[in-house]
PDB file of all heavy atoms in Angstrom:
ATOM      1  N   ILE A   1      -2.230   7.486   6.647  1.00  0.00           N
ATOM      2  CA  ILE A   1      -1.460   7.589   5.393  1.00  0.00           C
ATOM      3  C   ILE A   1      -0.505   8.776   5.468  1.00  0.00           C
ATOM      4  O   ILE A   1       0.660   8.681   5.076  1.00  0.00           O
ATOM      5  CB  ILE A   1      -2.410   7.712   4.191  1.00  0.00           C
ATOM      6  CG1 ILE A   1      -3.178   6.401   3.994  1.00  0.00           C
ATOM      7  CG2 ILE A   1      -1.644   8.064   2.924  1.00  0.00           C
ATOM      8  CD1 ILE A   1      -4.334   6.499   3.020  1.00  0.00           C
ATOM      9  N   GLU A   2      -0.983   9.886   5.991  1.00  0.00           N
ATOM     10  CA  GLU A   2      -0.149  11.084   6.087  1.00  0.00           C
ATOM     11  C   GLU A   2       0.964  10.917   7.112  1.00  0.00           C
ATOM     12  O   GLU A   2       2.094  11.374   6.897  1.00  0.00           O
ATOM     13  CB  GLU A   2      -1.025  12.292   6.428  1.00  0.00           C
ATOM     14  CG  GLU A   2      -1.947  12.698   5.276  1.00  0.00           C
ATOM     15  CD  GLU A   2      -2.921  13.798   5.661  1.00  0.00           C
ATOM     16  OE1 GLU A   2      -3.053  14.080   6.875  1.00  0.00           O
ATOM     17  OE2 GLU A   2      -3.556  14.370   4.742  1.00  0.00           O
ATOM     18  N   SER A   3       0.676  10.255   8.222  1.00  0.00           N
ATOM     19  CA  SER A   3       1.695  10.128   9.279  1.00  0.00           C
ATOM     20  C   SER A   3       2.773   9.110   8.923  1.00  0.00           C
ATOM     21  O   SER A   3       3.903   9.215   9.410  1.00  0.00           O
ATOM     22  CB  SER A   3       1.035   9.742  10.613  1.00  0.00           C
ATOM     23  OG  SER A   3       0.450   8.455  10.540  1.00  0.00           O
ATOM     24  N   THR A   4       2.459   8.142   8.076  1.00  0.00           N
ATOM     25  CA  THR A   4       3.450   7.121   7.724  1.00  0.00           C
ATOM     26  C   THR A   4       4.160   7.412   6.405  1.00  0.00           C
ATOM     27  O   THR A   4       5.135   6.731   6.065  1.00  0.00           O
ATOM     28  CB  THR A   4       2.783   5.732   7.603  1.00  0.00           C
ATOM     29  OG1 THR A   4       1.729   5.796   6.631  1.00  0.00           O
ATOM     30  CG2 THR A   4       2.221   5.280   8.949  1.00  0.00           C
ATOM     31  N   LEU A   5       3.705   8.407   5.655  1.00  0.00           N
ATOM     32  CA  LEU A   5       4.259   8.688   4.332  1.00  0.00           C
ATOM     33  C   LEU A   5       5.752   8.994   4.374  1.00  0.00           C
ATOM     34  O   LEU A   5       6.217   9.794   5.189  1.00  0.00           O
ATOM     35  CB  LEU A   5       3.508   9.883   3.724  1.00  0.00           C
ATOM     36  CG  LEU A   5       4.025  10.435   2.386  1.00  0.00           C
ATOM     37  CD1 LEU A   5       3.968   9.370   1.300  1.00  0.00           C
ATOM     38  CD2 LEU A   5       3.212  11.662   1.980  1.00  0.00           C
ATOM     39  N   ASP A   6       6.496   8.361   3.482  1.00  0.00           N
ATOM     40  CA  ASP A   6       7.911   8.681   3.297  1.00  0.00           C
ATOM     41  C   ASP A   6       7.977   9.997   2.515  1.00  0.00           C
ATOM     42  O   ASP A   6       7.778  10.017   1.305  1.00  0.00           O
ATOM     43  CB  ASP A   6       8.593   7.550   2.519  1.00  0.00           C
ATOM     44  CG  ASP A   6      10.090   7.776   2.353  1.00  0.00           C
ATOM     45  OD1 ASP A   6      10.548   8.935   2.435  1.00  0.00           O
ATOM     46  OD2 ASP A   6      10.806   6.793   2.105  1.00  0.00           O
ATOM     47  N   GLN A   7       8.241  11.078   3.215  1.00  0.00           N
ATOM     48  CA  GLN A   7       8.193  12.412   2.620  1.00  0.00           C
ATOM     49  C   GLN A   7       9.232  12.611   1.523  1.00  0.00           C
ATOM     50  O   GLN A   7       9.041  13.433   0.625  1.00  0.00           O
ATOM     51  CB  GLN A   7       8.402  13.471   3.710  1.00  0.00           C
ATOM     52  CG  GLN A   7       7.322  13.495   4.769  1.00  0.00           C
ATOM     53  CD  GLN A   7       6.020  14.097   4.279  1.00  0.00           C
ATOM     54  OE1 GLN A   7       6.012  15.001   3.448  1.00  0.00           O
ATOM     55  NE2 GLN A   7       4.901  13.594   4.794  1.00  0.00           N
ATOM     56  N   ASN A   8      10.316  11.873   1.582  1.00  0.00           N
ATOM     57  CA  ASN A   8      11.397  12.055   0.605  1.00  0.00           C
ATOM     58  C   ASN A   8      11.253  11.164  -0.625  1.00  0.00           C
ATOM     59  O   ASN A   8      11.821  11.470  -1.676  1.00  0.00           O
ATOM     60  CB  ASN A   8      12.749  11.769   1.274  1.00  0.00           C
ATOM     61  CG  ASN A   8      13.063  12.767   2.363  1.00  0.00           C
ATOM     62  OD1 ASN A   8      12.838  13.963   2.200  1.00  0.00           O
ATOM     63  ND2 ASN A   8      13.568  12.278   3.487  1.00  0.00           N
ATOM     64  N   HIS A   9      10.503  10.067  -0.496  1.00  0.00           N
ATOM     65  CA  HIS A   9      10.388   9.113  -1.595  1.00  0.00           C
ATOM     66  C   HIS A   9       8.933   8.680  -1.787  1.00  0.00           C
ATOM     67  O   HIS A   9       8.626   7.474  -1.763  1.00  0.00           O
ATOM     68  CB  HIS A   9      11.267   7.887  -1.342  1.00  0.00           C
ATOM     69  CG  HIS A   9      12.692   8.222  -1.038  1.00  0.00           C
ATOM     70  ND1 HIS A   9      13.182   8.307   0.253  1.00  0.00           N
ATOM     71  CD2 HIS A   9      13.737   8.520  -1.864  1.00  0.00           C
ATOM     72  CE1 HIS A   9      14.469   8.629   0.216  1.00  0.00           C
ATOM     73  NE2 HIS A   9      14.826   8.763  -1.049  1.00  0.00           N
ATOM     74  N   PRO A  10       8.017   9.614  -1.990  1.00  0.00           N
ATOM     75  CA  PRO A  10       6.600   9.233  -2.123  1.00  0.00           C
ATOM     76  C   PRO A  10       6.321   8.330  -3.323  1.00  0.00           C
ATOM     77  O   PRO A  10       5.451   7.462  -3.248  1.00  0.00           O
ATOM     78  CB  PRO A  10       5.870  10.575  -2.238  1.00  0.00           C
ATOM     79  CG  PRO A  10       6.919  11.560  -2.614  1.00  0.00           C
ATOM     80  CD  PRO A  10       8.188  11.073  -2.015  1.00  0.00           C
ATOM     81  N   ARG A  11       7.068   8.524  -4.419  1.00  0.00           N
ATOM     82  CA  ARG A  11       6.847   7.683  -5.600  1.00  0.00           C
ATOM     83  C   ARG A  11       7.072   6.208  -5.258  1.00  0.00           C
ATOM     84  O   ARG A  11       6.239   5.348  -5.542  1.00  0.00           O
ATOM     85  CB  ARG A  11       7.793   8.110  -6.729  1.00  0.00           C
ATOM     86  CG  ARG A  11       7.656   7.277  -7.994  1.00  0.00           C
ATOM     87  CD  ARG A  11       8.712   7.653  -9.022  1.00  0.00           C
ATOM     88  NE  ARG A  11       8.488   8.985  -9.573  1.00  0.00           N
ATOM     89  CZ  ARG A  11       9.360   9.994  -9.497  1.00  0.00           C
ATOM     90  NH1 ARG A  11      10.520   9.820  -8.878  1.00  0.00           N
ATOM     91  NH2 ARG A  11       9.075  11.158 -10.025  1.00  0.00           N
ATOM     92  N   GLN A  12       8.189   5.912  -4.645  1.00  0.00           N
ATOM     93  CA  GLN A  12       8.512   4.536  -4.268  1.00  0.00           C
ATOM     94  C   GLN A  12       7.579   4.032  -3.170  1.00  0.00           C
ATOM     95  O   GLN A  12       7.152   2.868  -3.188  1.00  0.00           O
ATOM     96  CB  GLN A  12       9.962   4.458  -3.811  1.00  0.00           C
ATOM     97  CG  GLN A  12      10.417   3.066  -3.401  1.00  0.00           C
ATOM     98  CD  GLN A  12      11.902   3.027  -3.087  1.00  0.00           C
ATOM     99  OE1 GLN A  12      12.719   3.535  -3.839  1.00  0.00           O
ATOM    100  NE2 GLN A  12      12.243   2.424  -1.951  1.00  0.00           N
ATOM    101  N   TRP A  13       7.257   4.894  -2.227  1.00  0.00           N
ATOM    102  CA  TRP A  13       6.417   4.503  -1.088  1.00  0.00           C
ATOM    103  C   TRP A  13       5.032   4.072  -1.552  1.00  0.00           C
ATOM    104  O   TRP A  13       4.531   3.008  -1.160  1.00  0.00           O
ATOM    105  CB  TRP A  13       6.311   5.666  -0.111  1.00  0.00           C
ATOM    106  CG  TRP A  13       5.386   5.429   1.038  1.00  0.00           C
ATOM    107  CD1 TRP A  13       4.176   6.019   1.260  1.00  0.00           C
ATOM    108  CD2 TRP A  13       5.581   4.528   2.139  1.00  0.00           C
ATOM    109  NE1 TRP A  13       3.605   5.548   2.415  1.00  0.00           N
ATOM    110  CE2 TRP A  13       4.456   4.633   2.978  1.00  0.00           C
ATOM    111  CE3 TRP A  13       6.611   3.657   2.479  1.00  0.00           C
ATOM    112  CZ2 TRP A  13       4.321   3.889   4.141  1.00  0.00           C
ATOM    113  CZ3 TRP A  13       6.475   2.898   3.644  1.00  0.00           C
ATOM    114  CH2 TRP A  13       5.339   3.023   4.459  1.00  0.00           C
ATOM    115  N   TYR A  14       4.412   4.864  -2.409  1.00  0.00           N
ATOM    116  CA  TYR A  14       3.071   4.514  -2.863  1.00  0.00           C
ATOM    117  C   TYR A  14       3.097   3.311  -3.804  1.00  0.00           C
ATOM    118  O   TYR A  14       2.142   2.515  -3.829  1.00  0.00           O
ATOM    119  CB  TYR A  14       2.403   5.710  -3.532  1.00  0.00           C
ATOM    120  CG  TYR A  14       1.863   6.716  -2.537  1.00  0.00           C
ATOM    121  CD1 TYR A  14       2.275   8.046  -2.559  1.00  0.00           C
ATOM    122  CD2 TYR A  14       0.933   6.343  -1.567  1.00  0.00           C
ATOM    123  CE1 TYR A  14       1.786   8.971  -1.653  1.00  0.00           C
ATOM    124  CE2 TYR A  14       0.439   7.256  -0.647  1.00  0.00           C
ATOM    125  CZ  TYR A  14       0.865   8.564  -0.692  1.00  0.00           C
ATOM    126  OH  TYR A  14       0.371   9.473   0.220  1.00  0.00           O
ATOM    127  N   SER A  15       4.162   3.142  -4.563  1.00  0.00           N
ATOM    128  CA  SER A  15       4.292   1.938  -5.386  1.00  0.00           C
ATOM    129  C   SER A  15       4.316   0.699  -4.492  1.00  0.00           C
ATOM    130  O   SER A  15       3.679  -0.327  -4.796  1.00  0.00           O
ATOM    131  CB  SER A  15       5.575   1.999  -6.222  1.00  0.00           C
ATOM    132  OG  SER A  15       5.529   3.034  -7.179  1.00  0.00           O
ATOM    133  N   ALA A  16       5.041   0.792  -3.382  1.00  0.00           N
ATOM    134  CA  ALA A  16       5.107  -0.330  -2.442  1.00  0.00           C
ATOM    135  C   ALA A  16       3.739  -0.629  -1.848  1.00  0.00           C
ATOM    136  O   ALA A  16       3.314  -1.796  -1.780  1.00  0.00           O
ATOM    137  CB  ALA A  16       6.109  -0.010  -1.330  1.00  0.00           C
ATOM    138  N   LEU A  17       3.027   0.414  -1.415  1.00  0.00           N
ATOM    139  CA  LEU A  17       1.703   0.208  -0.819  1.00  0.00           C
ATOM    140  C   LEU A  17       0.739  -0.433  -1.810  1.00  0.00           C
ATOM    141  O   LEU A  17      -0.023  -1.351  -1.470  1.00  0.00           O
ATOM    142  CB  LEU A  17       1.135   1.544  -0.335  1.00  0.00           C
ATOM    143  CG  LEU A  17       1.761   2.166   0.905  1.00  0.00           C
ATOM    144  CD1 LEU A  17       1.159   3.536   1.166  1.00  0.00           C
ATOM    145  CD2 LEU A  17       1.577   1.266   2.134  1.00  0.00           C
ATOM    146  N   MET A  18       0.771   0.031  -3.045  1.00  0.00           N
ATOM    147  CA  MET A  18      -0.156  -0.512  -4.043  1.00  0.00           C
ATOM    148  C   MET A  18       0.152  -1.971  -4.354  1.00  0.00           C
ATOM    149  O   MET A  18      -0.754  -2.795  -4.495  1.00  0.00           O
ATOM    150  CB  MET A  18      -0.114   0.342  -5.304  1.00  0.00           C
ATOM    151  CG  MET A  18      -0.769   1.702  -5.120  1.00  0.00           C
ATOM    152  SD  MET A  18      -0.786   2.666  -6.636  1.00  0.00           S
ATOM    153  CE  MET A  18      -1.708   4.113  -6.095  1.00  0.00           C
ATOM    154  N   ASP A  19       1.435  -2.301  -4.458  1.00  0.00           N
ATOM    155  CA  ASP A  19       1.800  -3.692  -4.733  1.00  0.00           C
ATOM    156  C   ASP A  19       1.443  -4.597  -3.563  1.00  0.00           C
ATOM    157  O   ASP A  19       0.952  -5.722  -3.744  1.00  0.00           O
ATOM    158  CB  ASP A  19       3.295  -3.786  -5.028  1.00  0.00           C
ATOM    159  CG  ASP A  19       3.647  -3.262  -6.408  1.00  0.00           C
ATOM    160  OD1 ASP A  19       2.737  -2.797  -7.116  1.00  0.00           O
ATOM    161  OD2 ASP A  19       4.838  -3.312  -6.772  1.00  0.00           O
ATOM    162  N   TYR A  20       1.690  -4.128  -2.369  1.00  0.00           N
ATOM    163  CA  TYR A  20       1.380  -4.924  -1.179  1.00  0.00           C
ATOM    164  C   TYR A  20      -0.131  -5.104  -1.047  1.00  0.00           C
ATOM    165  O   TYR A  20      -0.614  -6.203  -0.710  1.00  0.00           O
ATOM    166  CB  TYR A  20       1.965  -4.249   0.057  1.00  0.00           C
ATOM    167  CG  TYR A  20       1.770  -5.011   1.348  1.00  0.00           C
ATOM    168  CD1 TYR A  20       2.047  -6.374   1.433  1.00  0.00           C
ATOM    169  CD2 TYR A  20       1.331  -4.349   2.490  1.00  0.00           C
ATOM    170  CE1 TYR A  20       1.873  -7.069   2.626  1.00  0.00           C
ATOM    171  CE2 TYR A  20       1.164  -5.028   3.691  1.00  0.00           C
ATOM    172  CZ  TYR A  20       1.425  -6.388   3.750  1.00  0.00           C
ATOM    173  OH  TYR A  20       1.253  -7.069   4.932  1.00  0.00           O
ATOM    174  N   GLY A  21      -0.887  -4.056  -1.327  1.00  0.00           N
ATOM    175  CA  GLY A  21      -2.340  -4.167  -1.289  1.00  0.00           C
ATOM    176  C   GLY A  21      -2.863  -5.165  -2.304  1.00  0.00           C
ATOM    177  O   GLY A  21      -3.781  -5.946  -2.020  1.00  0.00           O
ATOM    178  N   THR A  22      -2.279  -5.157  -3.494  1.00  0.00           N
ATOM    179  CA  THR A  22      -2.652  -6.137  -4.518  1.00  0.00           C
ATOM    180  C   THR A  22      -2.382  -7.558  -4.035  1.00  0.00           C
ATOM    181  O   THR A  22      -3.199  -8.468  -4.222  1.00  0.00           O
ATOM    182  CB  THR A  22      -1.868  -5.874  -5.820  1.00  0.00           C
ATOM    183  OG1 THR A  22      -2.201  -4.561  -6.303  1.00  0.00           O
ATOM    184  CG2 THR A  22      -2.218  -6.892  -6.881  1.00  0.00           C
ATOM    185  N   TYR A  23      -1.224  -7.742  -3.393  1.00  0.00           N
ATOM    186  CA  TYR A  23      -0.876  -9.057  -2.852  1.00  0.00           C
ATOM    187  C   TYR A  23      -1.874  -9.483  -1.774  1.00  0.00           C
ATOM    188  O   TYR A  23      -2.372 -10.624  -1.790  1.00  0.00           O
ATOM    189  CB  TYR A  23       0.534  -9.028  -2.272  1.00  0.00           C
ATOM    190  CG  TYR A  23       0.828 -10.205  -1.369  1.00  0.00           C
ATOM    191  CD1 TYR A  23       1.044 -11.474  -1.905  1.00  0.00           C
ATOM    192  CD2 TYR A  23       0.848 -10.037   0.017  1.00  0.00           C
ATOM    193  CE1 TYR A  23       1.290 -12.558  -1.074  1.00  0.00           C
ATOM    194  CE2 TYR A  23       1.097 -11.119   0.843  1.00  0.00           C
ATOM    195  CZ  TYR A  23       1.306 -12.376   0.298  1.00  0.00           C
ATOM    196  OH  TYR A  23       1.530 -13.446   1.126  1.00  0.00           O
ATOM    197  N   LEU A  24      -2.187  -8.588  -0.850  1.00  0.00           N
ATOM    198  CA  LEU A  24      -3.113  -8.939   0.236  1.00  0.00           C
ATOM    199  C   LEU A  24      -4.473  -9.364  -0.311  1.00  0.00           C
ATOM    200  O   LEU A  24      -5.066 -10.344   0.169  1.00  0.00           O
ATOM    201  CB  LEU A  24      -3.287  -7.753   1.186  1.00  0.00           C
ATOM    202  CG  LEU A  24      -2.094  -7.410   2.085  1.00  0.00           C
ATOM    203  CD1 LEU A  24      -2.376  -6.144   2.876  1.00  0.00           C
ATOM    204  CD2 LEU A  24      -1.774  -8.572   3.016  1.00  0.00           C
ATOM    205  N   LYS A  25      -4.955  -8.664  -1.331  1.00  0.00           N
ATOM    206  CA  LYS A  25      -6.264  -9.004  -1.895  1.00  0.00           C
ATOM    207  C   LYS A  25      -6.242 -10.354  -2.605  1.00  0.00           C
ATOM    208  O   LYS A  25      -7.289 -10.982  -2.791  1.00  0.00           O
ATOM    209  CB  LYS A  25      -6.735  -7.905  -2.848  1.00  0.00           C
ATOM    210  CG  LYS A  25      -7.173  -6.640  -2.108  1.00  0.00           C
ATOM    211  CD  LYS A  25      -7.949  -5.700  -2.984  1.00  0.00           C
ATOM    212  CE  LYS A  25      -7.129  -5.114  -4.091  1.00  0.00           C
ATOM    213  NZ  LYS A  25      -7.860  -4.070  -4.848  1.00  0.00           N
ATOM    214  N   SER A  26      -5.055 -10.814  -2.993  1.00  0.00           N
ATOM    215  CA  SER A  26      -4.954 -12.115  -3.671  1.00  0.00           C
ATOM    216  C   SER A  26      -4.936 -13.283  -2.692  1.00  0.00           C
ATOM    217  O   SER A  26      -5.176 -14.429  -3.095  1.00  0.00           O
ATOM    218  CB  SER A  26      -3.692 -12.154  -4.541  1.00  0.00           C
ATOM    219  OG  SER A  26      -2.520 -12.280  -3.752  1.00  0.00           O
ATOM    220  N   VAL A  27      -4.665 -13.007  -1.421  1.00  0.00           N
ATOM    221  CA  VAL A  27      -4.539 -14.098  -0.447  1.00  0.00           C
ATOM    222  C   VAL A  27      -5.553 -13.997   0.698  1.00  0.00           C
ATOM    223  O   VAL A  27      -5.639 -14.911   1.516  1.00  0.00           O
ATOM    224  CB  VAL A  27      -3.108 -14.146   0.145  1.00  0.00           C
ATOM    225  CG1 VAL A  27      -2.101 -14.446  -0.952  1.00  0.00           C
ATOM    226  CG2 VAL A  27      -2.752 -12.853   0.866  1.00  0.00           C
ATOM    227  N   LEU A  28      -6.326 -12.905   0.745  1.00  0.00           N
ATOM    228  CA  LEU A  28      -7.285 -12.691   1.826  1.00  0.00           C
ATOM    229  C   LEU A  28      -8.649 -12.316   1.257  1.00  0.00           C
ATOM    230  O   LEU A  28      -8.736 -11.826   0.130  1.00  0.00           O
ATOM    231  CB  LEU A  28      -6.819 -11.539   2.732  1.00  0.00           C
ATOM    232  CG  LEU A  28      -5.499 -11.677   3.475  1.00  0.00           C
ATOM    233  CD1 LEU A  28      -5.127 -10.342   4.106  1.00  0.00           C
ATOM    234  CD2 LEU A  28      -5.619 -12.748   4.550  1.00  0.00           C
ATOM    235  N   PRO A  29      -9.710 -12.534   2.046  1.00  0.00           N
ATOM    236  CA  PRO A  29     -10.981 -11.899   1.678  1.00  0.00           C
ATOM    237  C   PRO A  29     -10.760 -10.394   1.620  1.00  0.00           C
ATOM    238  O   PRO A  29     -10.069  -9.836   2.466  1.00  0.00           O
ATOM    239  CB  PRO A  29     -11.911 -12.283   2.829  1.00  0.00           C
ATOM    240  CG  PRO A  29     -11.284 -13.489   3.444  1.00  0.00           C
ATOM    241  CD  PRO A  29      -9.805 -13.314   3.279  1.00  0.00           C
ATOM    242  N   ASN A  30     -11.307  -9.742   0.629  1.00  0.00           N
ATOM    243  CA  ASN A  30     -11.005  -8.334   0.370  1.00  0.00           C
ATOM    244  C   ASN A  30     -11.224  -7.450   1.603  1.00  0.00           C
ATOM    245  O   ASN A  30     -12.364  -7.209   2.002  1.00  0.00           O
ATOM    246  CB  ASN A  30     -11.878  -7.837  -0.776  1.00  0.00           C
ATOM    247  CG  ASN A  30     -11.510  -6.439  -1.230  1.00  0.00           C
ATOM    248  OD1 ASN A  30     -10.630  -5.798  -0.663  1.00  0.00           O
ATOM    249  ND2 ASN A  30     -12.188  -5.963  -2.255  1.00  0.00           N
ATOM    250  N   PRO A  31     -10.134  -6.929   2.226  1.00  0.00           N
ATOM    251  CA  PRO A  31     -10.297  -6.083   3.415  1.00  0.00           C
ATOM    252  C   PRO A  31     -11.043  -4.780   3.138  1.00  0.00           C
ATOM    253  O   PRO A  31     -11.580  -4.174   4.069  1.00  0.00           O
ATOM    254  CB  PRO A  31      -8.843  -5.799   3.845  1.00  0.00           C
ATOM    255  CG  PRO A  31      -8.040  -6.903   3.237  1.00  0.00           C
ATOM    256  CD  PRO A  31      -8.715  -7.193   1.939  1.00  0.00           C
ATOM    257  N   THR A  32     -11.075  -4.320   1.887  1.00  0.00           N
ATOM    258  CA  THR A  32     -11.746  -3.041   1.614  1.00  0.00           C
ATOM    259  C   THR A  32     -13.252  -3.134   1.821  1.00  0.00           C
ATOM    260  O   THR A  32     -13.934  -2.112   1.831  1.00  0.00           O
ATOM    261  CB  THR A  32     -11.458  -2.546   0.188  1.00  0.00           C
ATOM    262  OG1 THR A  32     -11.854  -3.533  -0.773  1.00  0.00           O
ATOM    263  CG2 THR A  32      -9.991  -2.224   0.014  1.00  0.00           C
ATOM    264  N   ARG A  33     -13.784  -4.335   2.000  1.00  0.00           N
ATOM    265  CA  ARG A  33     -15.203  -4.461   2.336  1.00  0.00           C
ATOM    266  C   ARG A  33     -15.504  -3.848   3.696  1.00  0.00           C
ATOM    267  O   ARG A  33     -16.661  -3.594   4.029  1.00  0.00           O
ATOM    268  CB  ARG A  33     -15.617  -5.937   2.322  1.00  0.00           C
ATOM    269  CG  ARG A  33     -15.574  -6.570   0.932  1.00  0.00           C
ATOM    270  CD  ARG A  33     -15.910  -8.036   0.975  1.00  0.00           C
ATOM    271  NE  ARG A  33     -15.825  -8.627  -0.362  1.00  0.00           N
ATOM    272  CZ  ARG A  33     -15.955  -9.919  -0.619  1.00  0.00           C
ATOM    273  NH1 ARG A  33     -16.189 -10.767   0.364  1.00  0.00           N
ATOM    274  NH2 ARG A  33     -15.866 -10.375  -1.861  1.00  0.00           N
TER     275      ARG A  33
END
């Protein structure tokens, strides 16, 4: 997470990660298991 973080736009970057994670959980068995 630290090595890939967009240092200049963290607000947008984390919004993207959260939305993408929500999408993945809707189409896959929950990877967080």
